[in-house]
């Protein structure tokens, strides 16, 4: 599953967001929306130049440790 794309109310694309708080929010919302206990693979659709890569990777690791996601595919981007 990919995350980070921001959409406007009319459905258009208007940016990306990989801040740690946003990533956790995206994961929580996805779990509820899909009705599952965890996400198999979780990766950013695009890297956010405003967020250090270390923060993105660290947050994904926290989500794995927290049981939100099973694996991280950050090496595929």
C-alpha atoms as a PDB file:
ATOM      1  CA  UNK A   1       0.000   0.000   0.000  1.00  0.00           C
ATOM      2  CA  UNK A   2       1.284   3.424  -0.872  1.00  0.00           C
ATOM      3  CA  UNK A   3       0.753   6.614   1.106  1.00  0.00           C
ATOM      4  CA  UNK A   4       1.730  10.311   1.037  1.00  0.00           C
ATOM      5  CA  UNK A   5      -0.391  11.715  -1.799  1.00  0.00           C
ATOM      6  CA  UNK A   6      -2.666  14.566  -0.732  1.00  0.00           C
ATOM      7  CA  UNK A   7      -5.941  15.130  -2.507  1.00  0.00           C
ATOM      8  CA  UNK A   8      -8.142  18.189  -2.580  1.00  0.00           C
ATOM      9  CA  UNK A   9     -11.883  17.989  -1.823  1.00  0.00           C
ATOM     10  CA  UNK A  10     -12.614  17.967  -5.563  1.00  0.00           C
ATOM     11  CA  UNK A  11     -10.379  14.893  -6.056  1.00  0.00           C
ATOM     12  CA  UNK A  12      -7.360  16.688  -7.515  1.00  0.00           C
ATOM     13  CA  UNK A  13      -3.780  16.118  -6.379  1.00  0.00           C
ATOM     14  CA  UNK A  14      -2.084  18.918  -4.485  1.00  0.00           C
ATOM     15  CA  UNK A  15       0.999  17.579  -2.758  1.00  0.00           C
ATOM     16  CA  UNK A  16       2.743  14.934  -0.708  1.00  0.00           C
ATOM     17  CA  UNK A  17       3.185  14.477   3.016  1.00  0.00           C
ATOM     18  CA  UNK A  18       5.468  12.015   4.782  1.00  0.00           C
ATOM     19  CA  UNK A  19       5.676  13.756   8.156  1.00  0.00           C
ATOM     20  CA  UNK A  20       5.691  11.115  10.922  1.00  0.00           C
ATOM     21  CA  UNK A  21       2.350  12.265  12.354  1.00  0.00           C
ATOM     22  CA  UNK A  22       0.743  12.133   8.907  1.00  0.00           C
ATOM     23  CA  UNK A  23       2.161   8.687   8.158  1.00  0.00           C
ATOM     24  CA  UNK A  24       0.660   7.319  11.383  1.00  0.00           C
ATOM     25  CA  UNK A  25      -2.647   8.984  10.561  1.00  0.00           C
ATOM     26  CA  UNK A  26      -2.656   7.531   7.021  1.00  0.00           C
ATOM     27  CA  UNK A  27      -1.921   4.032   8.381  1.00  0.00           C
ATOM     28  CA  UNK A  28      -4.632   4.213  11.050  1.00  0.00           C
ATOM     29  CA  UNK A  29      -7.199   5.485   8.559  1.00  0.00           C
ATOM     30  CA  UNK A  30      -6.255   2.788   6.026  1.00  0.00           C
ATOM     31  CA  UNK A  31      -6.641   0.017   8.609  1.00  0.00           C
ATOM     32  CA  UNK A  32     -10.093   1.273   9.567  1.00  0.00           C
ATOM     33  CA  UNK A  33     -11.189   1.845   5.971  1.00  0.00           C
ATOM     34  CA  UNK A  34     -10.023  -1.596   4.837  1.00  0.00           C
ATOM     35  CA  UNK A  35     -11.236  -3.390   7.962  1.00  0.00           C
ATOM     36  CA  UNK A  36      -7.938  -5.227   8.526  1.00  0.00           C
ATOM     37  CA  UNK A  37      -5.591  -5.625  11.495  1.00  0.00           C
ATOM     38  CA  UNK A  38      -2.376  -4.828   9.634  1.00  0.00           C
ATOM     39  CA  UNK A  39      -1.042  -3.744   6.257  1.00  0.00           C
ATOM     40  CA  UNK A  40       1.227  -6.152   4.359  1.00  0.00           C
ATOM     41  CA  UNK A  41       3.531  -3.590   2.721  1.00  0.00           C
ATOM     42  CA  UNK A  42       3.567   0.150   3.335  1.00  0.00           C
ATOM     43  CA  UNK A  43       5.622   2.606   1.325  1.00  0.00           C
ATOM     44  CA  UNK A  44       5.526   6.240   0.287  1.00  0.00           C
ATOM     45  CA  UNK A  45       4.188   6.904  -3.201  1.00  0.00           C
ATOM     46  CA  UNK A  46       6.750   9.667  -3.426  1.00  0.00           C
ATOM     47  CA  UNK A  47       9.385  11.057  -1.096  1.00  0.00           C
ATOM     48  CA  UNK A  48       8.698  14.405   0.535  1.00  0.00           C
ATOM     49  CA  UNK A  49      11.683  16.753   0.100  1.00  0.00           C
ATOM     50  CA  UNK A  50      10.593  18.596   3.267  1.00  0.00           C
ATOM     51  CA  UNK A  51      10.997  15.483   5.460  1.00  0.00           C
ATOM     52  CA  UNK A  52      14.378  13.831   6.077  1.00  0.00           C
ATOM     53  CA  UNK A  53      14.490  10.292   4.696  1.00  0.00           C
ATOM     54  CA  UNK A  54      15.643   9.075   8.124  1.00  0.00           C
ATOM     55  CA  UNK A  55      12.353  10.318   9.622  1.00  0.00           C
ATOM     56  CA  UNK A  56      10.325   8.492   6.978  1.00  0.00           C
ATOM     57  CA  UNK A  57      12.222   5.233   7.447  1.00  0.00           C
ATOM     58  CA  UNK A  58      12.157   5.562  11.237  1.00  0.00           C
ATOM     59  CA  UNK A  59       8.404   6.064  11.263  1.00  0.00           C
ATOM     60  CA  UNK A  60       7.869   3.037   9.022  1.00  0.00           C
ATOM     61  CA  UNK A  61      10.027   1.009  11.431  1.00  0.00           C
ATOM     62  CA  UNK A  62       7.896   2.277  14.337  1.00  0.00           C
ATOM     63  CA  UNK A  63       4.743   1.204  12.478  1.00  0.00           C
ATOM     64  CA  UNK A  64       6.216  -2.279  11.919  1.00  0.00           C
ATOM     65  CA  UNK A  65       7.154  -2.534  15.607  1.00  0.00           C
ATOM     66  CA  UNK A  66       3.698  -1.260  16.594  1.00  0.00           C
ATOM     67  CA  UNK A  67       1.980  -3.956  14.536  1.00  0.00           C
ATOM     68  CA  UNK A  68       0.380  -1.594  12.012  1.00  0.00           C
ATOM     69  CA  UNK A  69       2.327  -3.017   9.078  1.00  0.00           C
ATOM     70  CA  UNK A  70       4.096  -6.330   8.400  1.00  0.00           C
ATOM     71  CA  UNK A  71       6.924  -5.208   6.115  1.00  0.00           C
ATOM     72  CA  UNK A  72       8.451  -2.072   4.747  1.00  0.00           C
ATOM     73  CA  UNK A  73       9.298  -1.577   1.118  1.00  0.00           C
ATOM     74  CA  UNK A  74      11.258   1.647   1.439  1.00  0.00           C
ATOM     75  CA  UNK A  75      14.136   0.066  -0.480  1.00  0.00           C
ATOM     76  CA  UNK A  76      11.958  -0.198  -3.578  1.00  0.00           C
ATOM     77  CA  UNK A  77      11.630   3.562  -4.057  1.00  0.00           C
END
